[in-house]
Amino acid sequence: MKIIVIDDHPVVRKGLEQTISFEENMEIVGSAVTCKEGLELIVTQSPDLAIVDLKLPDGSGLDLVRRAREVAQGCCFLILTAYGSSREISRVISEQVEGYILKDALPEEIINAARLVGKGRRYFDPQAMESIVEGEKDPLKCLTAREKEILQEISAGMNNRDIAKKFFISEKTVKKHVSNIMAKLGVQGRIQAALMGLSQEKEQGQN
């Protein structure tokens, strides 16, 4: 099976290359960092499987999958991502992508997913699916204690600078937390995150 890896994180690429190098009948024939590079690689290498990061520097991994299917046939796709929000998985399913797995999966799980997808079957990370079921009960359950605290301040209307001062951390750290919060909750901006936080607080207050 010919495999390409499209991910902008060097550690992830090297980890996948090392893991797959020990497997029989599996070979990484190239790697790319951006959607553009990945599309070119798919066209030139005609891989059986492309392992694609959901978020790339120049666009979404799903956009890459969509464009690749227009110019190349016979390639299956396994989406690799750090978070498993219900919104992300819904998008993957709607695009009929063959596989979806979290970056913190064990090496043997990634290999198993790659083999199944390469054989034309579908694979969705059990941990991600479980988190969705739990998330339907409590959307904020996937957040860390610090992320919940910061979401509470966002819901109260505080900006990053004020939040940084309150918790004695840098604005850069706050921005990272905010980015993680939005990714885990599957929302696009602070307002949506704040509304979700307020909604959850209201529900908990009524219980």
N, C-alpha and C. Protein backbone atom coordinates (compact mmCIF):
# COMPACT_ATOMS: atom_id res chain seq x y z
N MET A 1 0.84 -1.19 0.00
CA MET A 1 0.00 0.00 0.00
C MET A 1 0.88 1.26 0.00
N LYS A 2 0.67 2.11 -0.98
CA LYS A 2 1.41 3.37 -1.07
C LYS A 2 0.67 4.45 -0.27
N ILE A 3 1.41 5.09 0.63
CA ILE A 3 0.80 6.07 1.54
C ILE A 3 1.53 7.40 1.47
N ILE A 4 0.78 8.49 1.53
CA ILE A 4 1.38 9.81 1.69
C ILE A 4 0.81 10.44 2.96
N VAL A 5 1.61 11.31 3.58
CA VAL A 5 1.21 12.00 4.81
C VAL A 5 1.18 13.50 4.55
N ILE A 6 0.06 14.14 4.87
CA ILE A 6 -0.07 15.58 4.67
C ILE A 6 -0.39 16.20 6.03
N ASP A 7 0.64 16.79 6.65
CA ASP A 7 0.51 17.35 7.99
C ASP A 7 1.61 18.39 8.17
N ASP A 8 1.28 19.52 8.79
CA ASP A 8 2.27 20.60 8.93
C ASP A 8 3.11 20.47 10.21
N HIS A 9 2.89 19.41 10.99
CA HIS A 9 3.68 19.21 12.19
C HIS A 9 4.79 18.18 11.92
N PRO A 10 6.05 18.58 11.97
CA PRO A 10 7.16 17.67 11.68
C PRO A 10 7.17 16.42 12.57
N VAL A 11 6.84 16.59 13.85
CA VAL A 11 6.85 15.45 14.78
C VAL A 11 5.82 14.41 14.36
N VAL A 12 4.66 14.86 13.92
CA VAL A 12 3.60 13.94 13.48
C VAL A 12 4.06 13.19 12.24
N ARG A 13 4.62 13.93 11.27
CA ARG A 13 5.07 13.30 10.03
C ARG A 13 6.14 12.25 10.31
N LYS A 14 7.14 12.62 11.11
CA LYS A 14 8.22 11.70 11.42
C LYS A 14 7.71 10.49 12.19
N GLY A 15 6.77 10.72 13.11
CA GLY A 15 6.21 9.63 13.89
C GLY A 15 5.48 8.62 13.02
N LEU A 16 4.69 9.14 12.07
CA LEU A 16 3.97 8.26 11.16
C LEU A 16 4.92 7.50 10.25
N GLU A 17 5.93 8.20 9.76
CA GLU A 17 6.91 7.55 8.89
C GLU A 17 7.62 6.41 9.61
N GLN A 18 8.00 6.65 10.85
CA GLN A 18 8.69 5.63 11.63
C GLN A 18 7.78 4.45 11.93
N THR A 19 6.54 4.75 12.33
CA THR A 19 5.59 3.68 12.65
C THR A 19 5.29 2.80 11.45
N ILE A 20 5.04 3.43 10.32
CA ILE A 20 4.68 2.68 9.11
C ILE A 20 5.86 1.94 8.51
N SER A 21 7.08 2.42 8.75
CA SER A 21 8.28 1.79 8.18
C SER A 21 8.46 0.35 8.66
N PHE A 22 7.88 -0.01 9.81
CA PHE A 22 8.01 -1.36 10.35
C PHE A 22 6.95 -2.31 9.82
N GLU A 23 6.02 -1.79 9.03
CA GLU A 23 4.91 -2.61 8.56
C GLU A 23 5.15 -3.18 7.17
N GLU A 24 4.77 -4.43 6.99
CA GLU A 24 4.88 -5.07 5.68
C GLU A 24 3.76 -4.55 4.76
N ASN A 25 4.07 -4.44 3.51
CA ASN A 25 3.09 -4.02 2.49
C ASN A 25 2.55 -2.62 2.70
N MET A 26 3.29 -1.81 3.46
CA MET A 26 2.92 -0.42 3.65
C MET A 26 4.17 0.44 3.46
N GLU A 27 4.04 1.49 2.65
CA GLU A 27 5.20 2.32 2.36
C GLU A 27 4.78 3.79 2.18
N ILE A 28 5.46 4.68 2.87
CA ILE A 28 5.21 6.11 2.69
C ILE A 28 6.04 6.58 1.50
N VAL A 29 5.36 7.08 0.49
CA VAL A 29 6.03 7.49 -0.75
C VAL A 29 6.19 9.00 -0.85
N GLY A 30 5.77 9.72 0.18
CA GLY A 30 5.93 11.17 0.16
C GLY A 30 5.18 11.83 1.30
N SER A 31 5.56 13.06 1.61
CA SER A 31 4.87 13.82 2.64
C SER A 31 4.77 15.28 2.21
N ALA A 32 3.77 15.96 2.72
CA ALA A 32 3.55 17.37 2.36
C ALA A 32 3.08 18.14 3.58
N VAL A 33 3.19 19.47 3.49
CA VAL A 33 2.86 20.34 4.61
C VAL A 33 1.57 21.11 4.37
N THR A 34 1.26 21.42 3.11
CA THR A 34 0.09 22.24 2.77
C THR A 34 -0.88 21.50 1.86
N CYS A 35 -2.06 22.09 1.69
CA CYS A 35 -3.05 21.52 0.76
C CYS A 35 -2.49 21.48 -0.66
N LYS A 36 -1.84 22.57 -1.07
CA LYS A 36 -1.30 22.65 -2.42
C LYS A 36 -0.26 21.57 -2.67
N GLU A 37 0.68 21.42 -1.72
CA GLU A 37 1.71 20.40 -1.86
C GLU A 37 1.10 19.00 -1.84
N GLY A 38 0.11 18.82 -0.97
CA GLY A 38 -0.54 17.52 -0.85
C GLY A 38 -1.26 17.12 -2.12
N LEU A 39 -1.96 18.07 -2.74
CA LEU A 39 -2.68 17.79 -3.97
C LEU A 39 -1.71 17.39 -5.08
N GLU A 40 -0.61 18.12 -5.18
CA GLU A 40 0.41 17.81 -6.18
C GLU A 40 0.98 16.42 -5.96
N LEU A 41 1.18 16.07 -4.70
CA LEU A 41 1.74 14.76 -4.36
C LEU A 41 0.77 13.63 -4.71
N ILE A 42 -0.50 13.86 -4.47
CA ILE A 42 -1.51 12.85 -4.80
C ILE A 42 -1.56 12.61 -6.30
N VAL A 43 -1.44 13.67 -7.07
CA VAL A 43 -1.46 13.55 -8.53
C VAL A 43 -0.23 12.82 -9.05
N THR A 44 0.94 13.16 -8.52
CA THR A 44 2.19 12.59 -9.04
C THR A 44 2.47 11.18 -8.52
N GLN A 45 2.07 10.89 -7.27
CA GLN A 45 2.41 9.59 -6.67
C GLN A 45 1.30 8.55 -6.76
N SER A 46 0.08 8.97 -7.02
CA SER A 46 -1.08 8.06 -7.10
C SER A 46 -1.12 7.09 -5.92
N PRO A 47 -1.17 7.61 -4.69
CA PRO A 47 -1.15 6.73 -3.52
C PRO A 47 -2.46 5.97 -3.34
N ASP A 48 -2.39 4.90 -2.56
CA ASP A 48 -3.60 4.15 -2.21
C ASP A 48 -4.31 4.83 -1.04
N LEU A 49 -3.51 5.51 -0.20
CA LEU A 49 -4.06 6.13 1.00
C LEU A 49 -3.33 7.44 1.28
N ALA A 50 -4.11 8.47 1.65
CA ALA A 50 -3.54 9.74 2.09
C ALA A 50 -3.99 9.99 3.52
N ILE A 51 -3.02 10.16 4.42
CA ILE A 51 -3.33 10.51 5.80
C ILE A 51 -3.24 12.02 5.90
N VAL A 52 -4.36 12.68 6.17
CA VAL A 52 -4.46 14.13 6.04
C VAL A 52 -4.85 14.80 7.35
N ASP A 53 -4.07 15.81 7.75
CA ASP A 53 -4.42 16.62 8.92
C ASP A 53 -5.67 17.43 8.58
N LEU A 54 -6.55 17.57 9.53
CA LEU A 54 -7.80 18.31 9.28
C LEU A 54 -7.55 19.80 9.10
N LYS A 55 -6.51 20.33 9.78
CA LYS A 55 -6.23 21.76 9.70
C LYS A 55 -4.82 21.98 9.16
N LEU A 56 -4.74 22.54 7.96
CA LEU A 56 -3.46 22.79 7.31
C LEU A 56 -3.25 24.30 7.14
N PRO A 57 -2.01 24.74 6.94
CA PRO A 57 -1.71 26.17 6.87
C PRO A 57 -2.50 26.95 5.82
N ASP A 58 -2.81 26.29 4.71
CA ASP A 58 -3.50 27.01 3.63
C ASP A 58 -4.94 26.53 3.41
N GLY A 59 -5.50 25.85 4.40
CA GLY A 59 -6.90 25.43 4.23
C GLY A 59 -7.25 24.20 5.04
N SER A 60 -8.45 23.70 4.82
CA SER A 60 -8.94 22.52 5.53
C SER A 60 -8.53 21.24 4.80
N GLY A 61 -8.26 20.20 5.60
CA GLY A 61 -7.96 18.91 5.00
C GLY A 61 -9.12 18.38 4.19
N LEU A 62 -10.34 18.75 4.58
CA LEU A 62 -11.51 18.31 3.83
C LEU A 62 -11.58 18.99 2.46
N ASP A 63 -11.13 20.24 2.39
CA ASP A 63 -11.06 20.91 1.09
C ASP A 63 -10.09 20.19 0.18
N LEU A 64 -8.98 19.75 0.76
CA LEU A 64 -7.99 18.99 -0.01
C LEU A 64 -8.59 17.70 -0.53
N VAL A 65 -9.30 16.99 0.33
CA VAL A 65 -9.94 15.73 -0.07
C VAL A 65 -10.90 15.96 -1.22
N ARG A 66 -11.68 17.02 -1.11
CA ARG A 66 -12.67 17.34 -2.14
C ARG A 66 -12.00 17.60 -3.50
N ARG A 67 -10.94 18.40 -3.48
CA ARG A 67 -10.23 18.73 -4.73
C ARG A 67 -9.49 17.51 -5.28
N ALA A 68 -8.92 16.70 -4.39
CA ALA A 68 -8.16 15.53 -4.82
C ALA A 68 -9.06 14.53 -5.55
N ARG A 69 -10.28 14.40 -5.11
CA ARG A 69 -11.19 13.45 -5.73
C ARG A 69 -11.59 13.87 -7.14
N GLU A 70 -11.41 15.16 -7.43
CA GLU A 70 -11.73 15.66 -8.77
C GLU A 70 -10.63 15.34 -9.78
N VAL A 71 -9.40 15.18 -9.27
CA VAL A 71 -8.26 15.00 -10.19
C VAL A 71 -7.57 13.65 -10.07
N ALA A 72 -7.91 12.88 -9.03
CA ALA A 72 -7.24 11.59 -8.83
C ALA A 72 -8.26 10.55 -8.38
N GLN A 73 -8.13 9.36 -8.93
CA GLN A 73 -9.03 8.27 -8.59
C GLN A 73 -8.26 7.19 -7.83
N GLY A 74 -8.98 6.45 -7.01
CA GLY A 74 -8.37 5.31 -6.35
C GLY A 74 -7.67 5.59 -5.05
N CYS A 75 -7.70 6.83 -4.57
CA CYS A 75 -7.04 7.17 -3.31
C CYS A 75 -8.09 7.29 -2.21
N CYS A 76 -7.83 6.59 -1.10
CA CYS A 76 -8.69 6.70 0.06
C CYS A 76 -8.07 7.69 1.04
N PHE A 77 -8.88 8.20 1.97
CA PHE A 77 -8.40 9.25 2.86
C PHE A 77 -8.69 8.93 4.32
N LEU A 78 -7.67 9.17 5.15
CA LEU A 78 -7.79 9.00 6.60
C LEU A 78 -7.47 10.35 7.23
N ILE A 79 -8.50 10.98 7.81
CA ILE A 79 -8.32 12.29 8.43
C ILE A 79 -7.68 12.11 9.81
N LEU A 80 -6.65 12.92 10.08
CA LEU A 80 -5.94 12.89 11.35
C LEU A 80 -6.13 14.24 12.03
N THR A 81 -6.59 14.23 13.28
CA THR A 81 -6.87 15.50 13.95
C THR A 81 -6.61 15.42 15.44
N ALA A 82 -6.42 16.58 16.06
CA ALA A 82 -6.15 16.62 17.49
C ALA A 82 -7.42 16.53 18.33
N TYR A 83 -8.55 16.99 17.76
CA TYR A 83 -9.79 17.02 18.52
C TYR A 83 -10.91 16.31 17.76
N GLY A 84 -11.83 15.71 18.51
CA GLY A 84 -12.91 14.99 17.89
C GLY A 84 -14.27 15.58 18.21
N SER A 85 -14.51 16.81 17.78
CA SER A 85 -15.81 17.43 18.06
C SER A 85 -16.88 16.85 17.15
N SER A 86 -18.12 16.94 17.59
CA SER A 86 -19.23 16.42 16.80
C SER A 86 -19.34 17.17 15.47
N ARG A 87 -19.01 18.46 15.49
CA ARG A 87 -19.08 19.25 14.26
C ARG A 87 -18.08 18.75 13.23
N GLU A 88 -16.85 18.45 13.70
CA GLU A 88 -15.83 17.96 12.79
C GLU A 88 -16.22 16.62 12.19
N ILE A 89 -16.68 15.70 13.03
CA ILE A 89 -17.03 14.38 12.54
C ILE A 89 -18.23 14.45 11.58
N SER A 90 -19.16 15.34 11.86
CA SER A 90 -20.31 15.52 10.96
C SER A 90 -19.85 15.97 9.58
N ARG A 91 -18.87 16.87 9.55
CA ARG A 91 -18.32 17.34 8.27
C ARG A 91 -17.62 16.20 7.54
N VAL A 92 -16.86 15.40 8.28
CA VAL A 92 -16.16 14.27 7.67
C VAL A 92 -17.14 13.28 7.08
N ILE A 93 -18.20 12.99 7.83
CA ILE A 93 -19.21 12.05 7.34
C ILE A 93 -19.92 12.59 6.11
N SER A 94 -20.24 13.90 6.14
CA SER A 94 -20.94 14.50 5.00
C SER A 94 -20.09 14.48 3.73
N GLU A 95 -18.78 14.51 3.89
CA GLU A 95 -17.87 14.45 2.74
C GLU A 95 -17.55 13.01 2.34
N GLN A 96 -18.12 12.06 3.08
CA GLN A 96 -17.93 10.63 2.81
C GLN A 96 -16.46 10.23 2.83
N VAL A 97 -15.72 10.82 3.77
CA VAL A 97 -14.32 10.45 3.95
C VAL A 97 -14.27 9.07 4.60
N GLU A 98 -13.31 8.26 4.18
CA GLU A 98 -13.28 6.87 4.62
C GLU A 98 -12.87 6.67 6.08
N GLY A 99 -12.03 7.57 6.61
CA GLY A 99 -11.55 7.35 7.97
C GLY A 99 -11.27 8.62 8.74
N TYR A 100 -11.31 8.50 10.06
CA TYR A 100 -11.11 9.65 10.97
C TYR A 100 -10.47 9.11 12.24
N ILE A 101 -9.30 9.65 12.62
CA ILE A 101 -8.63 9.17 13.81
C ILE A 101 -7.94 10.31 14.54
N LEU A 102 -7.87 10.23 15.86
CA LEU A 102 -7.26 11.27 16.66
C LEU A 102 -5.74 11.10 16.71
N LYS A 103 -5.03 12.22 16.85
CA LYS A 103 -3.57 12.18 16.85
C LYS A 103 -3.00 11.48 18.08
N ASP A 104 -3.78 11.38 19.16
CA ASP A 104 -3.25 10.72 20.35
C ASP A 104 -3.56 9.23 20.36
N ALA A 105 -4.02 8.70 19.24
CA ALA A 105 -4.26 7.26 19.13
C ALA A 105 -2.93 6.51 19.21
N LEU A 106 -2.99 5.27 19.68
CA LEU A 106 -1.79 4.44 19.75
C LEU A 106 -1.31 4.09 18.35
N PRO A 107 -0.01 3.88 18.16
CA PRO A 107 0.53 3.54 16.83
C PRO A 107 -0.20 2.37 16.18
N GLU A 108 -0.49 1.32 16.98
CA GLU A 108 -1.18 0.15 16.41
C GLU A 108 -2.60 0.49 15.97
N GLU A 109 -3.23 1.47 16.62
CA GLU A 109 -4.57 1.89 16.21
C GLU A 109 -4.52 2.62 14.87
N ILE A 110 -3.49 3.45 14.70
CA ILE A 110 -3.33 4.17 13.43
C ILE A 110 -3.05 3.19 12.29
N ILE A 111 -2.21 2.19 12.56
CA ILE A 111 -1.90 1.18 11.55
C ILE A 111 -3.16 0.41 11.18
N ASN A 112 -3.94 0.02 12.19
CA ASN A 112 -5.19 -0.71 11.94
C ASN A 112 -6.16 0.13 11.12
N ALA A 113 -6.27 1.41 11.47
CA ALA A 113 -7.15 2.31 10.72
C ALA A 113 -6.69 2.43 9.27
N ALA A 114 -5.38 2.57 9.08
CA ALA A 114 -4.83 2.72 7.73
C ALA A 114 -5.10 1.47 6.89
N ARG A 115 -4.93 0.31 7.50
CA ARG A 115 -5.17 -0.94 6.77
C ARG A 115 -6.64 -1.09 6.38
N LEU A 116 -7.54 -0.79 7.32
CA LEU A 116 -8.97 -0.90 7.04
C LEU A 116 -9.40 0.05 5.93
N VAL A 117 -8.97 1.30 6.05
CA VAL A 117 -9.34 2.30 5.04
C VAL A 117 -8.73 1.94 3.69
N GLY A 118 -7.48 1.45 3.72
CA GLY A 118 -6.83 1.05 2.47
C GLY A 118 -7.53 -0.09 1.77
N LYS A 119 -8.28 -0.89 2.54
CA LYS A 119 -9.02 -2.00 1.97
C LYS A 119 -10.44 -1.61 1.55
N GLY A 120 -10.72 -0.30 1.66
CA GLY A 120 -12.04 0.17 1.24
C GLY A 120 -13.08 0.20 2.33
N ARG A 121 -12.68 -0.08 3.56
CA ARG A 121 -13.63 -0.03 4.67
C ARG A 121 -13.54 1.34 5.35
N ARG A 122 -14.45 1.60 6.28
CA ARG A 122 -14.47 2.89 6.97
C ARG A 122 -14.02 2.69 8.42
N TYR A 123 -13.41 3.76 8.96
CA TYR A 123 -12.94 3.69 10.35
C TYR A 123 -13.13 5.05 11.01
N PHE A 124 -13.78 5.02 12.19
CA PHE A 124 -13.94 6.25 12.97
C PHE A 124 -13.46 5.97 14.39
N ASP A 125 -12.56 6.82 14.85
CA ASP A 125 -11.92 6.64 16.15
C ASP A 125 -12.95 6.44 17.25
N PRO A 126 -12.88 5.30 17.98
CA PRO A 126 -13.84 5.03 19.07
C PRO A 126 -13.82 6.11 20.15
N GLN A 127 -12.63 6.63 20.46
CA GLN A 127 -12.52 7.67 21.49
C GLN A 127 -13.25 8.93 21.07
N ALA A 128 -13.14 9.27 19.79
CA ALA A 128 -13.82 10.46 19.28
C ALA A 128 -15.34 10.26 19.32
N MET A 129 -15.79 9.08 18.93
CA MET A 129 -17.23 8.80 18.95
C MET A 129 -17.78 8.81 20.37
N GLU A 130 -16.99 8.29 21.32
CA GLU A 130 -17.40 8.28 22.72
C GLU A 130 -17.51 9.69 23.27
N SER A 131 -16.54 10.54 22.88
CA SER A 131 -16.56 11.92 23.36
C SER A 131 -17.77 12.67 22.84
N ILE A 132 -18.23 12.31 21.64
CA ILE A 132 -19.42 12.95 21.07
C ILE A 132 -20.66 12.57 21.88
N VAL A 133 -20.76 11.28 22.22
CA VAL A 133 -21.90 10.83 23.01
C VAL A 133 -21.91 11.54 24.35
N GLU A 134 -20.73 11.64 25.00
CA GLU A 134 -20.65 12.33 26.29
C GLU A 134 -20.90 13.82 26.11
N GLY A 135 -20.41 14.35 24.98
CA GLY A 135 -20.56 15.78 24.73
C GLY A 135 -21.99 16.20 24.53
N GLU A 136 -22.83 15.26 24.03
CA GLU A 136 -24.24 15.57 23.85
C GLU A 136 -24.91 15.79 25.21
N LYS A 137 -24.36 15.11 26.24
CA LYS A 137 -24.90 15.29 27.59
C LYS A 137 -24.35 16.57 28.21
N ASP A 138 -23.06 16.82 27.99
CA ASP A 138 -22.40 18.00 28.54
C ASP A 138 -21.34 18.46 27.55
N PRO A 139 -21.65 19.44 26.69
CA PRO A 139 -20.72 19.89 25.65
C PRO A 139 -19.39 20.39 26.20
N LEU A 140 -19.37 20.81 27.48
CA LEU A 140 -18.15 21.37 28.05
C LEU A 140 -17.29 20.31 28.72
N LYS A 141 -17.73 19.07 28.71
CA LYS A 141 -17.01 18.02 29.42
C LYS A 141 -15.63 17.78 28.82
N CYS A 142 -15.46 18.10 27.54
CA CYS A 142 -14.18 17.86 26.87
C CYS A 142 -13.12 18.91 27.24
N LEU A 143 -13.54 19.97 27.92
CA LEU A 143 -12.60 21.05 28.27
C LEU A 143 -11.85 20.73 29.56
N THR A 144 -10.62 21.24 29.65
CA THR A 144 -9.86 21.11 30.89
C THR A 144 -10.40 22.12 31.90
N ALA A 145 -9.97 21.99 33.15
CA ALA A 145 -10.43 22.91 34.20
C ALA A 145 -10.07 24.35 33.86
N ARG A 146 -8.84 24.56 33.35
CA ARG A 146 -8.41 25.91 32.98
C ARG A 146 -9.22 26.44 31.81
N GLU A 147 -9.51 25.60 30.83
CA GLU A 147 -10.29 26.03 29.67
C GLU A 147 -11.71 26.43 30.09
N LYS A 148 -12.27 25.71 31.06
CA LYS A 148 -13.61 26.06 31.56
C LYS A 148 -13.58 27.41 32.26
N GLU A 149 -12.50 27.68 33.00
CA GLU A 149 -12.37 28.96 33.68
C GLU A 149 -12.28 30.10 32.67
N ILE A 150 -11.49 29.88 31.62
CA ILE A 150 -11.33 30.92 30.61
C ILE A 150 -12.62 31.12 29.82
N LEU A 151 -13.33 30.03 29.54
CA LEU A 151 -14.61 30.15 28.84
C LEU A 151 -15.60 30.96 29.68
N GLN A 152 -15.56 30.76 30.98
CA GLN A 152 -16.44 31.51 31.88
C GLN A 152 -16.16 33.01 31.79
N GLU A 153 -14.87 33.36 31.70
CA GLU A 153 -14.50 34.78 31.59
C GLU A 153 -14.86 35.34 30.22
N ILE A 154 -14.72 34.53 29.19
CA ILE A 154 -15.14 34.95 27.84
C ILE A 154 -16.64 35.24 27.84
N SER A 155 -17.40 34.35 28.49
CA SER A 155 -18.85 34.52 28.57
C SER A 155 -19.23 35.78 29.35
N ALA A 156 -18.31 36.19 30.25
CA ALA A 156 -18.54 37.41 31.04
C ALA A 156 -18.10 38.66 30.29
N GLY A 157 -17.56 38.48 29.08
CA GLY A 157 -17.19 39.61 28.26
C GLY A 157 -15.75 40.08 28.37
N MET A 158 -14.91 39.30 29.06
CA MET A 158 -13.53 39.72 29.24
C MET A 158 -12.71 39.45 27.98
N ASN A 159 -11.74 40.35 27.69
CA ASN A 159 -10.85 40.14 26.56
C ASN A 159 -9.61 39.35 27.00
N ASN A 160 -8.76 38.99 26.03
CA ASN A 160 -7.59 38.16 26.33
C ASN A 160 -6.63 38.82 27.32
N ARG A 161 -6.46 40.13 27.19
CA ARG A 161 -5.53 40.84 28.08
C ARG A 161 -6.00 40.76 29.53
N ASP A 162 -7.29 40.99 29.74
CA ASP A 162 -7.84 40.96 31.10
C ASP A 162 -7.79 39.54 31.68
N ILE A 163 -8.07 38.55 30.81
CA ILE A 163 -8.02 37.16 31.27
C ILE A 163 -6.60 36.79 31.67
N ALA A 164 -5.62 37.24 30.87
CA ALA A 164 -4.21 36.95 31.17
C ALA A 164 -3.82 37.53 32.53
N LYS A 165 -4.26 38.77 32.80
CA LYS A 165 -3.94 39.41 34.08
C LYS A 165 -4.59 38.67 35.24
N LYS A 166 -5.83 38.23 35.05
CA LYS A 166 -6.55 37.57 36.14
C LYS A 166 -5.90 36.26 36.54
N PHE A 167 -5.42 35.50 35.54
CA PHE A 167 -4.85 34.18 35.83
C PHE A 167 -3.32 34.17 35.86
N PHE A 168 -2.72 35.37 35.73
CA PHE A 168 -1.27 35.51 35.78
C PHE A 168 -0.57 34.65 34.72
N ILE A 169 -1.09 34.72 33.51
CA ILE A 169 -0.49 34.01 32.38
C ILE A 169 -0.35 35.00 31.23
N SER A 170 0.39 34.60 30.19
CA SER A 170 0.61 35.50 29.05
C SER A 170 -0.60 35.52 28.13
N GLU A 171 -0.71 36.58 27.34
CA GLU A 171 -1.80 36.66 26.35
C GLU A 171 -1.68 35.55 25.32
N LYS A 172 -0.43 35.18 25.02
CA LYS A 172 -0.19 34.10 24.05
C LYS A 172 -0.79 32.79 24.57
N THR A 173 -0.62 32.56 25.87
CA THR A 173 -1.19 31.35 26.47
C THR A 173 -2.71 31.40 26.44
N VAL A 174 -3.27 32.57 26.70
CA VAL A 174 -4.73 32.72 26.65
C VAL A 174 -5.24 32.43 25.24
N LYS A 175 -4.55 32.97 24.23
CA LYS A 175 -4.95 32.75 22.84
C LYS A 175 -4.94 31.27 22.50
N LYS A 176 -3.93 30.56 23.02
CA LYS A 176 -3.85 29.12 22.76
C LYS A 176 -5.03 28.40 23.41
N HIS A 177 -5.35 28.78 24.65
CA HIS A 177 -6.50 28.17 25.33
C HIS A 177 -7.79 28.45 24.57
N VAL A 178 -7.97 29.69 24.12
CA VAL A 178 -9.18 30.07 23.39
C VAL A 178 -9.30 29.25 22.11
N SER A 179 -8.17 29.10 21.42
CA SER A 179 -8.16 28.31 20.18
C SER A 179 -8.55 26.86 20.47
N ASN A 180 -8.02 26.30 21.55
CA ASN A 180 -8.34 24.92 21.92
C ASN A 180 -9.82 24.79 22.28
N ILE A 181 -10.34 25.79 23.00
CA ILE A 181 -11.75 25.77 23.39
C ILE A 181 -12.65 25.73 22.16
N MET A 182 -12.37 26.61 21.20
CA MET A 182 -13.20 26.68 19.99
C MET A 182 -13.11 25.40 19.18
N ALA A 183 -11.89 24.82 19.12
CA ALA A 183 -11.72 23.57 18.37
C ALA A 183 -12.48 22.43 19.02
N LYS A 184 -12.39 22.33 20.34
CA LYS A 184 -13.06 21.23 21.05
C LYS A 184 -14.58 21.36 21.00
N LEU A 185 -15.06 22.60 21.05
CA LEU A 185 -16.52 22.82 21.04
C LEU A 185 -17.08 22.86 19.62
N GLY A 186 -16.17 22.93 18.64
CA GLY A 186 -16.61 22.95 17.24
C GLY A 186 -17.29 24.24 16.85
N VAL A 187 -16.82 25.37 17.42
CA VAL A 187 -17.40 26.68 17.10
C VAL A 187 -16.37 27.52 16.36
N GLN A 188 -16.85 28.58 15.70
CA GLN A 188 -15.99 29.38 14.84
C GLN A 188 -15.41 30.62 15.51
N GLY A 189 -16.01 31.10 16.59
CA GLY A 189 -15.53 32.34 17.18
C GLY A 189 -15.87 32.45 18.65
N ARG A 190 -15.39 33.54 19.27
CA ARG A 190 -15.58 33.76 20.70
C ARG A 190 -17.05 33.89 21.07
N ILE A 191 -17.83 34.54 20.19
CA ILE A 191 -19.24 34.77 20.51
C ILE A 191 -19.98 33.44 20.63
N GLN A 192 -19.73 32.54 19.67
CA GLN A 192 -20.38 31.23 19.72
C GLN A 192 -19.96 30.46 20.97
N ALA A 193 -18.66 30.54 21.29
CA ALA A 193 -18.16 29.86 22.49
C ALA A 193 -18.81 30.43 23.74
N ALA A 194 -18.91 31.77 23.80
CA ALA A 194 -19.52 32.43 24.95
C ALA A 194 -20.98 32.04 25.11
N LEU A 195 -21.70 31.99 24.00
CA LEU A 195 -23.11 31.60 24.04
C LEU A 195 -23.28 30.17 24.54
N MET A 196 -22.38 29.28 24.09
CA MET A 196 -22.45 27.89 24.53
C MET A 196 -22.17 27.80 26.03
N GLY A 197 -21.18 28.60 26.49
CA GLY A 197 -20.85 28.62 27.91
C GLY A 197 -22.01 29.13 28.74
N LEU A 198 -22.65 30.19 28.30
CA LEU A 198 -23.79 30.76 29.02
C LEU A 198 -24.96 29.79 29.05
N SER A 199 -25.19 29.12 27.91
CA SER A 199 -26.28 28.17 27.80
C SER A 199 -26.10 27.01 28.77
N GLN A 200 -24.84 26.53 28.85
CA GLN A 200 -24.56 25.41 29.73
C GLN A 200 -24.70 25.79 31.20
N GLU A 201 -24.25 27.01 31.53
CA GLU A 201 -24.38 27.52 32.91
C GLU A 201 -25.85 27.60 33.30
N LYS A 202 -26.67 28.05 32.36
CA LYS A 202 -28.10 28.19 32.62
C LYS A 202 -28.74 26.82 32.87
N GLU A 203 -28.36 25.82 32.04
CA GLU A 203 -28.91 24.48 32.20
C GLU A 203 -28.51 23.87 33.53
N GLN A 204 -27.24 24.09 33.93
CA GLN A 204 -26.76 23.53 35.18
C GLN A 204 -27.45 24.21 36.37
N GLY A 205 -27.76 25.51 36.21
CA GLY A 205 -28.43 26.24 37.27
C GLY A 205 -29.86 25.77 37.47
N GLN A 206 -30.47 25.24 36.41
CA GLN A 206 -31.86 24.78 36.49
C GLN A 206 -31.95 23.37 37.04
N ASN A 207 -30.82 22.64 37.00
CA ASN A 207 -30.84 21.25 37.47
C ASN A 207 -30.70 21.18 39.01
